[in-house]
Amino acid sequence: MPNLNPIKLQRTMLVNRVVQALLIALLIFIAVIFQSLFAQQGKPGQFISSIIVAVVVQLLLIYPIYKLAWRDAGIQIDSSAVGITPEQTAILRKKRLLGELWKVCGVAFFMAFAVMVPDVKKASGARLVLASTIFSFLLTCLMYFQCFNFAVRKRVALNRQK
């Protein structure tokens, strides 16, 4: 096992925890807004439906998100090794860019989906679709950061056992 720079890994995980806290706060804020909008519309059951749809989307995305986070954690651990060569740094940079491309594609998908939802005045279920999309996006981001932190801790523990 190569010597790791634990400070770099701890900083990355700390940033992820802060981002998770902000995402949870944003999720709660948006949930309160959507709950009041659905209540004003006289359809409070749609709020629960949007949460159920978001949870189903999470169940569908858990494996790909976990695999991406596991891969990114491995790259992060490899790049935090002490004494890596410039060639290894270039290889890790290419791998990191591929992971970033996947994440940008995911964000672009959710953004395009949210933008393409018609106006509430034109379609009666538009608010339900928009709420489900936003909840799914925020929960997906949260799940990635949680999986990443878990994967880093697990990989470091596995490397210590070797």
C-alpha atoms as a PDB file:
ATOM      1  CA  MET A   1       0.000   0.000   0.000  1.00  0.00           C
ATOM      2  CA  PRO A   2       1.426   3.398  -0.930  1.00  0.00           C
ATOM      3  CA  ASN A   3       1.640   6.052   1.722  1.00  0.00           C
ATOM      4  CA  LEU A   4      -1.443   8.236   1.580  1.00  0.00           C
ATOM      5  CA  ASN A   5      -1.810  11.888   2.375  1.00  0.00           C
ATOM      6  CA  PRO A   6      -4.631  11.627   4.930  1.00  0.00           C
ATOM      7  CA  ILE A   7      -5.088  15.405   5.121  1.00  0.00           C
ATOM      8  CA  LYS A   8      -6.090  15.580   1.456  1.00  0.00           C
ATOM      9  CA  LEU A   9      -8.645  12.782   1.881  1.00  0.00           C
ATOM     10  CA  GLN A  10     -10.023  14.308   5.085  1.00  0.00           C
ATOM     11  CA  ARG A  11     -10.438  17.702   3.409  1.00  0.00           C
ATOM     12  CA  THR A  12     -12.276  16.152   0.494  1.00  0.00           C
ATOM     13  CA  MET A  13     -14.595  14.261   2.819  1.00  0.00           C
ATOM     14  CA  LEU A  14     -15.171  17.400   4.926  1.00  0.00           C
ATOM     15  CA  VAL A  15     -16.132  19.376   1.835  1.00  0.00           C
ATOM     16  CA  ASN A  16     -18.503  16.571   0.872  1.00  0.00           C
ATOM     17  CA  ARG A  17     -20.112  16.673   4.315  1.00  0.00           C
ATOM     18  CA  VAL A  18     -20.623  20.436   4.075  1.00  0.00           C
ATOM     19  CA  VAL A  19     -22.148  20.054   0.621  1.00  0.00           C
ATOM     20  CA  GLN A  20     -24.425  17.306   1.962  1.00  0.00           C
ATOM     21  CA  ALA A  21     -25.616  19.584   4.763  1.00  0.00           C
ATOM     22  CA  LEU A  22     -26.356  22.357   2.261  1.00  0.00           C
ATOM     23  CA  LEU A  23     -28.199  19.942  -0.026  1.00  0.00           C
ATOM     24  CA  ILE A  24     -30.308  18.681   2.884  1.00  0.00           C
ATOM     25  CA  ALA A  25     -31.171  22.262   3.826  1.00  0.00           C
ATOM     26  CA  LEU A  26     -32.077  23.018   0.212  1.00  0.00           C
ATOM     27  CA  LEU A  27     -34.148  19.834  -0.010  1.00  0.00           C
ATOM     28  CA  ILE A  28     -36.114  20.743   3.116  1.00  0.00           C
ATOM     29  CA  PHE A  29     -36.642  24.319   1.890  1.00  0.00           C
ATOM     30  CA  ILE A  30     -37.874  23.188  -1.524  1.00  0.00           C
ATOM     31  CA  ALA A  31     -40.057  20.483   0.029  1.00  0.00           C
ATOM     32  CA  VAL A  32     -41.775  23.080   2.206  1.00  0.00           C
ATOM     33  CA  ILE A  33     -42.345  25.304  -0.830  1.00  0.00           C
ATOM     34  CA  PHE A  34     -43.783  22.488  -2.923  1.00  0.00           C
ATOM     35  CA  GLN A  35     -45.931  21.270  -0.049  1.00  0.00           C
ATOM     36  CA  SER A  36     -47.469  24.725   0.293  1.00  0.00           C
ATOM     37  CA  LEU A  37     -47.961  24.998  -3.478  1.00  0.00           C
ATOM     38  CA  PHE A  38     -49.720  21.639  -3.594  1.00  0.00           C
ATOM     39  CA  ALA A  39     -51.849  22.618  -0.597  1.00  0.00           C
ATOM     40  CA  GLN A  40     -52.833  25.891  -2.286  1.00  0.00           C
ATOM     41  CA  GLN A  41     -53.741  23.944  -5.397  1.00  0.00           C
ATOM     42  CA  GLY A  42     -55.934  21.672  -3.278  1.00  0.00           C
ATOM     43  CA  LYS A  43     -53.922  18.535  -4.110  1.00  0.00           C
ATOM     44  CA  PRO A  44     -51.780  17.703  -1.074  1.00  0.00           C
ATOM     45  CA  GLY A  45     -51.599  14.053  -2.145  1.00  0.00           C
ATOM     46  CA  GLN A  46     -49.430  15.050  -5.090  1.00  0.00           C
ATOM     47  CA  PHE A  47     -46.677  16.081  -2.698  1.00  0.00           C
ATOM     48  CA  ILE A  48     -46.484  12.530  -1.322  1.00  0.00           C
ATOM     49  CA  SER A  49     -46.674  11.189  -4.888  1.00  0.00           C
ATOM     50  CA  SER A  50     -43.700  13.338  -5.917  1.00  0.00           C
ATOM     51  CA  ILE A  51     -41.681  12.021  -2.966  1.00  0.00           C
ATOM     52  CA  ILE A  52     -42.594   8.435  -3.848  1.00  0.00           C
ATOM     53  CA  VAL A  53     -41.509   8.995  -7.458  1.00  0.00           C
ATOM     54  CA  ALA A  54     -38.222  10.491  -6.239  1.00  0.00           C
ATOM     55  CA  VAL A  55     -37.588   7.472  -4.001  1.00  0.00           C
ATOM     56  CA  VAL A  56     -38.311   5.080  -6.887  1.00  0.00           C
ATOM     57  CA  VAL A  57     -35.840   6.988  -9.068  1.00  0.00           C
ATOM     58  CA  GLN A  58     -33.288   6.652  -6.258  1.00  0.00           C
ATOM     59  CA  LEU A  59     -33.825   2.912  -6.148  1.00  0.00           C
ATOM     60  CA  LEU A  60     -33.198   2.747  -9.889  1.00  0.00           C
ATOM     61  CA  LEU A  61     -30.054   4.884  -9.691  1.00  0.00           C
ATOM     62  CA  ILE A  62     -28.426   3.488  -6.557  1.00  0.00           C
ATOM     63  CA  TYR A  63     -26.182   0.936  -8.285  1.00  0.00           C
ATOM     64  CA  PRO A  64     -24.814   3.247 -11.041  1.00  0.00           C
ATOM     65  CA  ILE A  65     -24.272   6.057  -8.540  1.00  0.00           C
ATOM     66  CA  TYR A  66     -22.510   3.725  -6.116  1.00  0.00           C
ATOM     67  CA  LYS A  67     -20.252   2.381  -8.883  1.00  0.00           C
ATOM     68  CA  LEU A  68     -19.365   5.916  -9.995  1.00  0.00           C
ATOM     69  CA  ALA A  69     -18.645   6.981  -6.412  1.00  0.00           C
ATOM     70  CA  TRP A  70     -16.563   3.821  -5.823  1.00  0.00           C
ATOM     71  CA  ARG A  71     -14.540   4.574  -8.955  1.00  0.00           C
ATOM     72  CA  ASP A  72     -14.091   8.243  -8.038  1.00  0.00           C
ATOM     73  CA  ALA A  73     -13.024   7.278  -4.506  1.00  0.00           C
ATOM     74  CA  GLY A  74     -10.363   4.977  -5.939  1.00  0.00           C
ATOM     75  CA  ILE A  75      -9.071   7.769  -8.140  1.00  0.00           C
ATOM     76  CA  GLN A  76      -9.056  10.176  -5.191  1.00  0.00           C
ATOM     77  CA  ILE A  77      -7.147   7.707  -3.020  1.00  0.00           C
ATOM     78  CA  ASP A  78      -4.652   6.961  -5.791  1.00  0.00           C
ATOM     79  CA  SER A  79      -4.085  10.663  -6.392  1.00  0.00           C
ATOM     80  CA  SER A  80      -3.498  11.301  -2.691  1.00  0.00           C
ATOM     81  CA  ALA A  81      -0.617   8.835  -2.595  1.00  0.00           C
ATOM     82  CA  VAL A  82       2.704  10.368  -1.662  1.00  0.00           C
ATOM     83  CA  GLY A  83       5.312  10.426  -4.425  1.00  0.00           C
ATOM     84  CA  ILE A  84       3.267   9.718  -7.549  1.00  0.00           C
ATOM     85  CA  THR A  85       4.973  10.392 -10.858  1.00  0.00           C
ATOM     86  CA  PRO A  86       3.832  12.961 -13.432  1.00  0.00           C
ATOM     87  CA  GLU A  87       2.778  10.113 -15.741  1.00  0.00           C
ATOM     88  CA  GLN A  88       0.572   8.629 -13.023  1.00  0.00           C
ATOM     89  CA  THR A  89      -0.860  12.087 -12.357  1.00  0.00           C
ATOM     90  CA  ALA A  90      -1.778  12.458 -16.031  1.00  0.00           C
ATOM     91  CA  ILE A  91      -3.464   9.036 -16.076  1.00  0.00           C
ATOM     92  CA  LEU A  92      -5.430   9.865 -12.926  1.00  0.00           C
ATOM     93  CA  ARG A  93      -6.422  13.232 -14.398  1.00  0.00           C
ATOM     94  CA  LYS A  94      -7.880  11.503 -17.470  1.00  0.00           C
ATOM     95  CA  LYS A  95      -9.804   9.084 -15.269  1.00  0.00           C
ATOM     96  CA  ARG A  96     -11.078  11.962 -13.128  1.00  0.00           C
ATOM     97  CA  LEU A  97     -12.211  13.871 -16.226  1.00  0.00           C
ATOM     98  CA  LEU A  98     -14.223  10.860 -17.395  1.00  0.00           C
ATOM     99  CA  GLY A  99     -15.962  10.693 -14.010  1.00  0.00           C
ATOM    100  CA  GLU A 100     -16.638  14.432 -14.155  1.00  0.00           C
ATOM    101  CA  LEU A 101     -18.128  13.996 -17.626  1.00  0.00           C
ATOM    102  CA  TRP A 102     -20.576  11.407 -16.262  1.00  0.00           C
ATOM    103  CA  LYS A 103     -21.586  13.766 -13.467  1.00  0.00           C
ATOM    104  CA  VAL A 104     -22.051  16.697 -15.867  1.00  0.00           C
ATOM    105  CA  CYS A 105     -24.224  14.482 -18.081  1.00  0.00           C
ATOM    106  CA  GLY A 106     -26.376  13.588 -15.072  1.00  0.00           C
ATOM    107  CA  VAL A 107     -26.801  17.222 -14.075  1.00  0.00           C
ATOM    108  CA  ALA A 108     -27.571  18.190 -17.677  1.00  0.00           C
ATOM    109  CA  PHE A 109     -30.219  15.460 -17.883  1.00  0.00           C
ATOM    110  CA  PHE A 110     -32.025  16.689 -14.769  1.00  0.00           C
ATOM    111  CA  MET A 111     -31.736  20.323 -15.846  1.00  0.00           C
ATOM    112  CA  ALA A 112     -33.055  19.617 -19.336  1.00  0.00           C
ATOM    113  CA  PHE A 113     -35.881  17.556 -17.899  1.00  0.00           C
ATOM    114  CA  ALA A 114     -36.832  20.346 -15.474  1.00  0.00           C
ATOM    115  CA  VAL A 115     -36.655  23.030 -18.162  1.00  0.00           C
ATOM    116  CA  MET A 116     -38.777  21.026 -20.595  1.00  0.00           C
ATOM    117  CA  VAL A 117     -41.652  20.647 -18.127  1.00  0.00           C
ATOM    118  CA  PRO A 118     -44.519  22.763 -19.461  1.00  0.00           C
ATOM    119  CA  ASP A 119     -46.031  25.643 -17.543  1.00  0.00           C
ATOM    120  CA  VAL A 120     -48.470  24.767 -14.765  1.00  0.00           C
ATOM    121  CA  LYS A 121     -51.206  26.692 -16.576  1.00  0.00           C
ATOM    122  CA  LYS A 122     -50.808  24.506 -19.671  1.00  0.00           C
ATOM    123  CA  ALA A 123     -50.554  21.108 -17.986  1.00  0.00           C
ATOM    124  CA  SER A 124     -52.211  20.127 -14.739  1.00  0.00           C
ATOM    125  CA  GLY A 125     -49.533  17.616 -13.672  1.00  0.00           C
ATOM    126  CA  ALA A 126     -46.556  19.835 -14.442  1.00  0.00           C
ATOM    127  CA  ARG A 127     -45.946  20.757 -10.820  1.00  0.00           C
ATOM    128  CA  LEU A 128     -45.893  17.068  -9.849  1.00  0.00           C
ATOM    129  CA  VAL A 129     -43.314  16.302 -12.547  1.00  0.00           C
ATOM    130  CA  LEU A 130     -41.219  19.320 -11.606  1.00  0.00           C
ATOM    131  CA  ALA A 131     -41.286  18.448  -7.900  1.00  0.00           C
ATOM    132  CA  SER A 132     -40.371  14.826  -8.624  1.00  0.00           C
ATOM    133  CA  THR A 133     -37.494  15.940 -10.856  1.00  0.00           C
ATOM    134  CA  ILE A 134     -36.072  18.393  -8.332  1.00  0.00           C
ATOM    135  CA  PHE A 135     -36.408  15.952  -5.435  1.00  0.00           C
ATOM    136  CA  SER A 136     -34.772  13.201  -7.509  1.00  0.00           C
ATOM    137  CA  PHE A 137     -31.903  15.492  -8.479  1.00  0.00           C
ATOM    138  CA  LEU A 138     -31.198  16.597  -4.923  1.00  0.00           C
ATOM    139  CA  LEU A 139     -31.483  13.059  -3.560  1.00  0.00           C
ATOM    140  CA  THR A 140     -29.178  11.776  -6.322  1.00  0.00           C
ATOM    141  CA  CYS A 141     -26.557  14.366  -5.427  1.00  0.00           C
ATOM    142  CA  LEU A 142     -26.864  13.477  -1.755  1.00  0.00           C
ATOM    143  CA  MET A 143     -26.583   9.785  -2.535  1.00  0.00           C
ATOM    144  CA  TYR A 144     -23.419  10.336  -4.601  1.00  0.00           C
ATOM    145  CA  PHE A 145     -21.681  12.243  -1.812  1.00  0.00           C
ATOM    146  CA  GLN A 146     -22.716   9.662   0.788  1.00  0.00           C
ATOM    147  CA  CYS A 147     -21.534   6.799  -1.404  1.00  0.00           C
ATOM    148  CA  PHE A 148     -18.265   8.609  -2.119  1.00  0.00           C
ATOM    149  CA  ASN A 149     -17.487   9.130   1.565  1.00  0.00           C
ATOM    150  CA  PHE A 150     -18.432   5.527   2.334  1.00  0.00           C
ATOM    151  CA  ALA A 151     -16.255   4.245  -0.519  1.00  0.00           C
ATOM    152  CA  VAL A 152     -13.262   6.291   0.615  1.00  0.00           C
ATOM    153  CA  ARG A 153     -13.540   4.995   4.181  1.00  0.00           C
ATOM    154  CA  LYS A 154     -14.004   1.411   2.987  1.00  0.00           C
ATOM    155  CA  ARG A 155     -11.127   1.537   0.479  1.00  0.00           C
ATOM    156  CA  VAL A 156      -8.759   3.032   3.032  1.00  0.00           C
ATOM    157  CA  ALA A 157      -9.747   0.349   5.547  1.00  0.00           C
ATOM    158  CA  LEU A 158      -9.241  -2.385   2.922  1.00  0.00           C
ATOM    159  CA  ASN A 159      -5.824  -0.980   2.014  1.00  0.00           C
ATOM    160  CA  ARG A 160      -4.794  -0.954   5.678  1.00  0.00           C
ATOM    161  CA  GLN A 161      -5.716  -4.631   6.020  1.00  0.00           C
ATOM    162  CA  LYS A 162      -3.437  -5.634   3.154  1.00  0.00           C
END
